[in-house]
Amino acid sequence: MYRPMVTIANVRAAQAVIAQHITPAPLIRSYALESALGLPAERRVWIKDYGWTPVGSFKLLGALNWMANNLARIGDRPVAAHSSGNFAAGISFAAMRYKKRLIVVMPDTAPKLKFDLVRSFGGEICTYNIARDHETGERDRLTREIAETEDAVQASPYDDPHVIAGNGVGGLEIVEELRREGRTVSHFLCQVSGGGIMAGHALAIADGFPNAKIIGVEPEGADDFRKSLAAGKRVRIERPKSICDGLLSYDVGEHNWPILQRYLSAAVAVPDPVTQRAMKWLYEKHGLRTEPSGAITTAAVLSGAAKLDGDGDIVVVLSGRNADERAFREWIAAV
């Protein structure tokens, strides 16, 4: 029998923790998406924009809840973690709030904006060569070495019950706001990488809108979850490739997988050029400069990759906006 490590009760408990530090990210009605999809007047599209958090992404939610629930274990010890950049910023903010030292391992190719965010909150950074990590395992080795030599407590960016529950608070916010508006949800689209954001949100959305179709979105070159869903077991991709730097985990986390397998009805993969067009569209229609990982769900909607037949509202997660200006301009100029 399925016995989840994380439940909706854990997500609700995390809500009180998150509320001590930040206010909810906005849920924006997208008239432009409604028009682009040709929806009837009774259906609406909503964008949950985590770019408004102090770290520019959703990762802060799970990081705060992890830190709050590990204070006794941490004590005077530092915290160690690895991250493509957004969790690094999130856990740095959480460490600053709880007055803890943080050492984080990041890829050498991470956007400068993400490096700057981590340092602005007091995080210490070590880098690794991401191009060879599938051969060397340098990321995990460095993180383990830091944990051992510094006697640090290691935090996972996604494969942890407290991280999942914290991320799910955003899903509760979506449910509560739409219920106040008297709305129903037919489709919910969210990014899947390690599965931290989707697992937490899926718990909340399934509880609040049990008839909603929950759809995972990945880059075409990093679609380990889509392959896992088809195989019925976790599938690893040794060398994921995409401009979506925040969605390049090798596989879905062990704690995340049973939740995703239970609640998700579909997974779609999006080519990078389609994501670039969605970035350009979001900038032109909403004035939002998004990172590729944040825009990929909008890409799935605009391109028709996700089937959205039904009579309820559609919710799209914009997971983050941490793109360097030059890279962003080059991406949208290329399509």
Protein backbone atom coordinates (compact mmCIF):
# COMPACT_ATOMS: atom_id res chain seq x y z
CA MET A 1 0.00 0.00 0.00
CA TYR A 2 1.23 3.49 -0.89
CA ARG A 3 2.44 5.35 2.21
CA PRO A 4 3.75 8.77 1.25
CA MET A 5 6.64 10.33 3.14
CA VAL A 6 4.94 13.70 2.68
CA THR A 7 1.24 14.43 3.06
CA ILE A 8 -1.03 17.45 2.72
CA ALA A 9 -0.83 17.80 6.51
CA ASN A 10 2.93 18.38 6.19
CA VAL A 11 2.29 21.02 3.52
CA ARG A 12 -0.21 22.81 5.76
CA ALA A 13 2.26 22.75 8.64
CA ALA A 14 4.89 24.30 6.38
CA GLN A 15 2.55 27.18 5.53
CA ALA A 16 2.96 28.64 9.02
CA VAL A 17 6.74 28.50 8.64
CA ILE A 18 6.78 30.23 5.26
CA ALA A 19 4.39 32.95 6.45
CA GLN A 20 6.98 34.07 9.01
CA HIS A 21 9.34 35.11 6.23
CA ILE A 22 7.60 35.97 2.95
CA THR A 23 4.21 36.83 1.48
CA PRO A 24 2.64 34.67 -1.27
CA ALA A 25 3.90 34.99 -4.82
CA PRO A 26 1.18 36.55 -7.02
CA LEU A 27 -1.32 34.51 -9.00
CA ILE A 28 -1.87 36.56 -12.15
CA ARG A 29 -4.76 36.16 -14.56
CA SER A 30 -3.37 36.00 -18.11
CA TYR A 31 -5.88 37.51 -20.49
CA ALA A 32 -3.23 37.17 -23.20
CA LEU A 33 -3.01 33.39 -22.74
CA GLU A 34 -6.79 33.10 -22.69
CA SER A 35 -6.89 34.94 -26.00
CA ALA A 36 -4.03 32.93 -27.53
CA LEU A 37 -5.79 29.69 -26.63
CA GLY A 38 -9.18 30.90 -27.85
CA LEU A 39 -10.84 29.94 -24.57
CA PRO A 40 -14.52 30.55 -23.92
CA ALA A 41 -15.36 33.40 -21.53
CA GLU A 42 -16.01 31.07 -18.59
CA ARG A 43 -12.46 29.63 -18.61
CA ARG A 44 -9.46 31.50 -17.24
CA VAL A 45 -5.68 31.06 -17.24
CA TRP A 46 -3.58 31.90 -14.19
CA ILE A 47 0.19 32.26 -13.85
CA LYS A 48 1.75 31.63 -10.45
CA ASP A 49 4.82 33.87 -10.71
CA TYR A 50 7.59 32.85 -8.30
CA GLY A 51 9.89 35.41 -9.86
CA TRP A 52 8.50 37.84 -7.27
CA THR A 53 10.11 36.06 -4.30
CA PRO A 54 13.23 37.62 -2.73
CA VAL A 55 15.38 35.04 -4.53
CA GLY A 56 13.55 35.17 -7.86
CA SER A 57 12.25 31.58 -7.78
CA PHE A 58 10.09 29.07 -5.88
CA LYS A 59 13.14 27.42 -4.30
CA LEU A 60 12.91 29.68 -1.27
CA LEU A 61 9.78 27.88 -0.02
CA GLY A 62 11.38 24.47 0.38
CA ALA A 63 14.62 25.97 1.65
CA LEU A 64 12.91 27.89 4.44
CA ASN A 65 10.93 24.86 5.57
CA TRP A 66 14.00 22.63 5.47
CA MET A 67 16.01 25.09 7.55
CA ALA A 68 13.23 25.59 10.11
CA ASN A 69 12.85 21.83 10.59
CA ASN A 70 16.57 21.13 10.90
CA LEU A 71 17.65 23.84 13.35
CA ALA A 72 18.28 21.43 16.23
CA ARG A 73 20.37 19.13 14.02
CA ILE A 74 22.34 22.05 12.58
CA GLY A 75 23.09 23.83 15.85
CA ASP A 76 26.39 25.65 15.30
CA ARG A 77 27.34 23.53 12.28
CA PRO A 78 27.28 24.93 8.73
CA VAL A 79 24.94 23.75 5.96
CA ALA A 80 26.18 22.26 2.68
CA ALA A 81 24.20 21.86 -0.53
CA HIS A 82 24.53 21.58 -4.29
CA SER A 83 22.36 23.51 -6.71
CA SER A 84 22.18 24.76 -10.28
CA GLY A 85 21.58 28.16 -8.72
CA ASN A 86 18.02 28.78 -7.58
CA PHE A 87 18.09 26.47 -4.56
CA ALA A 88 21.50 27.94 -3.76
CA ALA A 89 19.90 31.38 -3.55
CA GLY A 90 16.92 30.02 -1.61
CA ILE A 91 18.96 28.16 0.99
CA SER A 92 21.30 31.18 1.28
CA PHE A 93 18.32 33.39 2.10
CA ALA A 94 17.09 30.80 4.62
CA ALA A 95 20.56 30.57 6.19
CA MET A 96 20.65 34.35 6.49
CA ARG A 97 17.23 34.41 8.17
CA TYR A 98 18.24 31.71 10.67
CA LYS A 99 21.82 33.01 11.07
CA LYS A 100 23.53 29.88 9.77
CA ARG A 101 26.64 29.49 7.64
CA LEU A 102 26.10 28.02 4.16
CA ILE A 103 28.51 26.49 1.65
CA VAL A 104 26.97 25.64 -1.72
CA VAL A 105 28.32 23.79 -4.77
CA MET A 106 27.24 25.33 -8.09
CA PRO A 107 28.05 24.61 -11.76
CA ASP A 108 30.66 26.85 -13.32
CA THR A 109 28.15 27.81 -16.02
CA ALA A 110 25.44 29.10 -13.66
CA PRO A 111 24.08 32.55 -14.55
CA LYS A 112 25.99 35.40 -12.93
CA LEU A 113 22.70 36.62 -11.47
CA LYS A 114 22.40 33.40 -9.45
CA PHE A 115 25.98 33.67 -8.17
CA ASP A 116 25.30 37.28 -7.16
CA LEU A 117 22.09 36.34 -5.33
CA VAL A 118 23.83 33.63 -3.30
CA ARG A 119 26.64 35.96 -2.27
CA SER A 120 24.22 38.78 -1.45
CA PHE A 121 22.65 36.58 1.25
CA GLY A 122 26.03 35.51 2.64
CA GLY A 123 26.38 32.11 0.97
CA GLU A 124 29.84 30.70 0.22
CA ILE A 125 30.30 29.13 -3.23
CA CYS A 126 32.40 26.30 -4.67
CA THR A 127 32.08 25.55 -8.40
CA TYR A 128 32.38 22.38 -10.47
CA ASN A 129 32.75 21.58 -14.16
CA ILE A 130 29.23 20.66 -15.23
CA ALA A 131 30.32 19.60 -18.73
CA ARG A 132 32.22 16.62 -17.27
CA ASP A 133 30.11 15.92 -14.19
CA HIS A 134 28.38 12.94 -15.82
CA GLU A 135 31.84 11.34 -15.99
CA THR A 136 33.48 12.63 -12.82
CA GLY A 137 30.59 12.96 -10.35
CA GLU A 138 32.36 16.08 -9.15
CA ARG A 139 29.21 17.81 -7.91
CA ASP A 140 28.26 15.09 -5.45
CA ARG A 141 31.89 14.44 -4.45
CA LEU A 142 32.52 18.10 -3.62
CA THR A 143 29.31 18.34 -1.62
CA ARG A 144 30.19 15.22 0.39
CA GLU A 145 33.73 16.47 1.01
CA ILE A 146 32.42 19.80 2.31
CA ALA A 147 29.97 18.02 4.57
CA GLU A 148 32.76 15.83 5.97
CA THR A 149 35.54 18.39 6.33
CA GLU A 150 33.31 21.17 7.67
CA ASP A 151 31.06 18.83 9.72
CA ALA A 152 28.18 20.36 7.77
CA VAL A 153 24.56 19.24 7.56
CA GLN A 154 23.73 18.47 3.94
CA ALA A 155 20.52 19.80 2.36
CA SER A 156 18.96 18.35 -0.79
CA PRO A 157 17.53 20.81 -3.32
CA TYR A 158 14.53 18.54 -3.99
CA ASP A 159 14.76 15.01 -2.56
CA ASP A 160 13.71 15.78 1.01
CA PRO A 161 10.29 15.68 2.75
CA HIS A 162 10.70 19.16 4.28
CA VAL A 163 11.68 20.66 0.92
CA ILE A 164 8.71 19.03 -0.79
CA ALA A 165 6.29 20.21 1.92
CA GLY A 166 7.67 23.75 1.80
CA ASN A 167 7.33 23.92 -1.96
CA GLY A 168 3.76 22.70 -1.63
CA VAL A 169 2.82 25.87 0.23
CA GLY A 170 2.70 27.61 -3.15
CA GLY A 171 0.11 25.06 -4.24
CA LEU A 172 -1.97 25.78 -1.14
CA GLU A 173 -1.84 29.48 -2.01
CA ILE A 174 -3.17 28.71 -5.49
CA VAL A 175 -5.99 26.58 -4.11
CA GLU A 176 -7.00 29.11 -1.47
CA GLU A 177 -7.04 32.07 -3.86
CA LEU A 178 -9.01 30.32 -6.59
CA ARG A 179 -11.52 28.93 -4.10
CA ARG A 180 -12.09 32.47 -2.82
CA GLU A 181 -12.82 33.44 -6.43
CA GLY A 182 -15.24 30.53 -6.76
CA ARG A 183 -13.14 28.95 -9.52
CA THR A 184 -12.43 25.34 -10.44
CA VAL A 185 -9.26 24.00 -12.05
CA SER A 186 -9.22 21.57 -14.97
CA HIS A 187 -5.46 21.63 -15.68
CA PHE A 188 -2.35 22.41 -13.64
CA LEU A 189 1.03 22.62 -15.36
CA CYS A 190 4.32 22.68 -13.47
CA GLN A 191 8.00 22.03 -14.13
CA VAL A 192 9.58 18.68 -13.25
CA SER A 193 13.29 18.29 -12.66
CA GLY A 194 14.19 16.55 -9.42
CA GLY A 195 10.49 16.78 -8.65
CA GLY A 196 10.56 19.07 -5.61
CA ILE A 197 8.26 21.78 -6.90
CA MET A 198 5.84 19.43 -8.64
CA ALA A 199 5.57 16.93 -5.78
CA GLY A 200 4.64 19.62 -3.28
CA HIS A 201 2.25 21.38 -5.62
CA ALA A 202 0.65 18.12 -6.73
CA LEU A 203 -0.25 17.28 -3.13
CA ALA A 204 -1.96 20.65 -2.69
CA ILE A 205 -3.69 20.78 -6.09
CA ALA A 206 -4.96 17.19 -5.85
CA ASP A 207 -6.35 17.92 -2.39
CA GLY A 208 -8.02 21.20 -3.37
CA PHE A 209 -9.12 20.32 -6.91
CA PRO A 210 -9.24 16.51 -7.10
CA ASN A 211 -10.54 16.52 -10.68
CA ALA A 212 -7.70 18.64 -12.05
CA LYS A 213 -5.31 17.06 -14.54
CA ILE A 214 -1.78 17.60 -13.24
CA ILE A 215 0.76 17.80 -16.06
CA GLY A 216 4.54 17.76 -15.69
CA VAL A 217 6.67 19.75 -18.14
CA GLU A 218 10.33 19.07 -18.98
CA PRO A 219 12.89 20.01 -21.63
CA GLU A 220 13.08 17.59 -24.55
CA GLY A 221 16.73 16.89 -23.77
CA ALA A 222 16.11 16.25 -20.06
CA ASP A 223 12.85 14.31 -19.98
CA ASP A 224 13.76 11.70 -17.37
CA PHE A 225 10.37 12.03 -15.67
CA ARG A 226 8.43 11.45 -18.89
CA LYS A 227 10.53 8.33 -19.47
CA SER A 228 10.01 7.29 -15.85
CA LEU A 229 6.24 7.69 -16.10
CA ALA A 230 6.19 5.52 -19.22
CA ALA A 231 8.45 2.87 -17.67
CA GLY A 232 6.70 2.83 -14.29
CA LYS A 233 10.01 3.30 -12.50
CA ARG A 234 12.64 6.01 -12.06
CA VAL A 235 14.77 6.45 -15.18
CA ARG A 236 18.11 8.27 -15.10
CA ILE A 237 19.51 10.43 -17.90
CA GLU A 238 23.28 10.53 -17.70
CA ARG A 239 23.77 13.75 -19.64
CA PRO A 240 20.67 15.99 -19.71
CA LYS A 241 20.93 18.89 -22.15
CA SER A 242 18.85 22.06 -22.36
CA ILE A 243 19.01 25.82 -21.98
CA CYS A 244 16.74 25.22 -18.95
CA ASP A 245 19.61 25.07 -16.46
CA GLY A 246 17.23 24.61 -13.53
CA LEU A 247 15.72 21.45 -15.03
CA LEU A 248 18.82 19.32 -15.59
CA SER A 249 18.65 16.83 -12.73
CA TYR A 250 19.72 13.33 -13.69
CA ASP A 251 16.59 11.73 -12.28
CA VAL A 252 13.57 12.33 -10.06
CA GLY A 253 14.20 12.11 -6.31
CA GLU A 254 13.25 9.02 -4.33
CA HIS A 255 10.89 10.96 -2.05
CA ASN A 256 9.34 12.75 -5.03
CA TRP A 257 8.75 9.82 -7.34
CA PRO A 258 5.82 8.07 -5.54
CA ILE A 259 3.96 11.38 -5.23
CA LEU A 260 4.45 12.21 -8.90
CA GLN A 261 3.52 8.70 -9.99
CA ARG A 262 0.31 8.85 -8.00
CA TYR A 263 -0.95 12.32 -8.89
CA LEU A 264 0.33 13.24 -12.37
CA SER A 265 -1.78 12.32 -15.37
CA ALA A 266 0.75 13.24 -18.06
CA ALA A 267 4.22 14.58 -18.82
CA VAL A 268 5.20 16.61 -21.87
CA ALA A 269 8.63 17.52 -23.21
CA VAL A 270 9.34 20.86 -24.88
CA PRO A 271 12.17 21.64 -27.34
CA ASP A 272 14.40 24.57 -26.38
CA PRO A 273 13.37 26.79 -29.35
CA VAL A 274 9.74 26.49 -28.26
CA THR A 275 10.73 27.58 -24.76
CA GLN A 276 12.65 30.53 -26.24
CA ARG A 277 9.53 31.62 -28.13
CA ALA A 278 7.55 31.45 -24.90
CA MET A 279 10.18 33.61 -23.17
CA LYS A 280 9.78 36.18 -25.93
CA TRP A 281 5.98 35.94 -25.71
CA LEU A 282 5.95 36.45 -21.93
CA TYR A 283 8.22 39.46 -22.31
CA GLU A 284 6.11 41.04 -25.05
CA LYS A 285 2.69 40.24 -23.54
CA HIS A 286 3.39 40.53 -19.82
CA GLY A 287 6.71 42.36 -19.53
CA LEU A 288 8.24 39.37 -17.73
CA ARG A 289 11.91 38.52 -18.27
CA THR A 290 11.93 34.84 -17.38
CA GLU A 291 14.61 32.21 -17.23
CA PRO A 292 14.04 29.27 -19.61
CA SER A 293 13.08 26.92 -16.76
CA GLY A 294 10.37 29.37 -15.72
CA ALA A 295 8.90 29.83 -19.19
CA ILE A 296 8.75 26.17 -20.21
CA THR A 297 5.22 25.62 -18.86
CA THR A 298 3.93 28.59 -20.87
CA ALA A 299 5.70 27.03 -23.86
CA ALA A 300 3.79 23.78 -23.31
CA VAL A 301 0.51 25.73 -23.31
CA LEU A 302 1.21 27.96 -26.31
CA SER A 303 2.63 25.17 -28.46
CA GLY A 304 -0.24 22.78 -27.88
CA ALA A 305 2.08 20.17 -26.35
CA ALA A 306 -0.30 19.98 -23.38
CA LYS A 307 -3.89 19.05 -24.16
CA LEU A 308 -6.18 21.43 -22.30
CA ASP A 309 -9.71 20.35 -23.21
CA GLY A 310 -12.18 20.85 -20.38
CA ASP A 311 -14.33 23.43 -18.68
CA GLY A 312 -12.25 24.62 -15.72
CA ASP A 313 -9.42 27.09 -15.28
CA ILE A 314 -5.80 26.45 -16.25
CA VAL A 315 -2.94 27.19 -13.84
CA VAL A 316 0.62 27.59 -15.12
CA VAL A 317 3.63 27.77 -12.79
CA LEU A 318 6.34 30.28 -13.68
CA SER A 319 9.04 28.84 -11.45
CA GLY A 320 11.70 31.53 -11.71
CA ARG A 321 13.04 34.61 -13.47
CA ASN A 322 16.78 34.46 -12.82
CA ALA A 323 18.23 34.93 -16.31
CA ASP A 324 21.24 37.08 -17.10
CA GLU A 325 20.24 40.03 -19.30
CA ARG A 326 22.64 39.23 -22.13
CA ALA A 327 21.66 35.55 -22.31
CA PHE A 328 17.98 36.45 -22.18
CA ARG A 329 18.34 38.90 -25.10
CA GLU A 330 20.23 36.33 -27.16
CA TRP A 331 17.62 33.63 -26.52
CA ILE A 332 14.65 35.74 -27.55
CA ALA A 333 16.49 37.26 -30.53
CA ALA A 334 17.15 33.78 -31.93
CA VAL A 335 13.47 32.94 -32.49
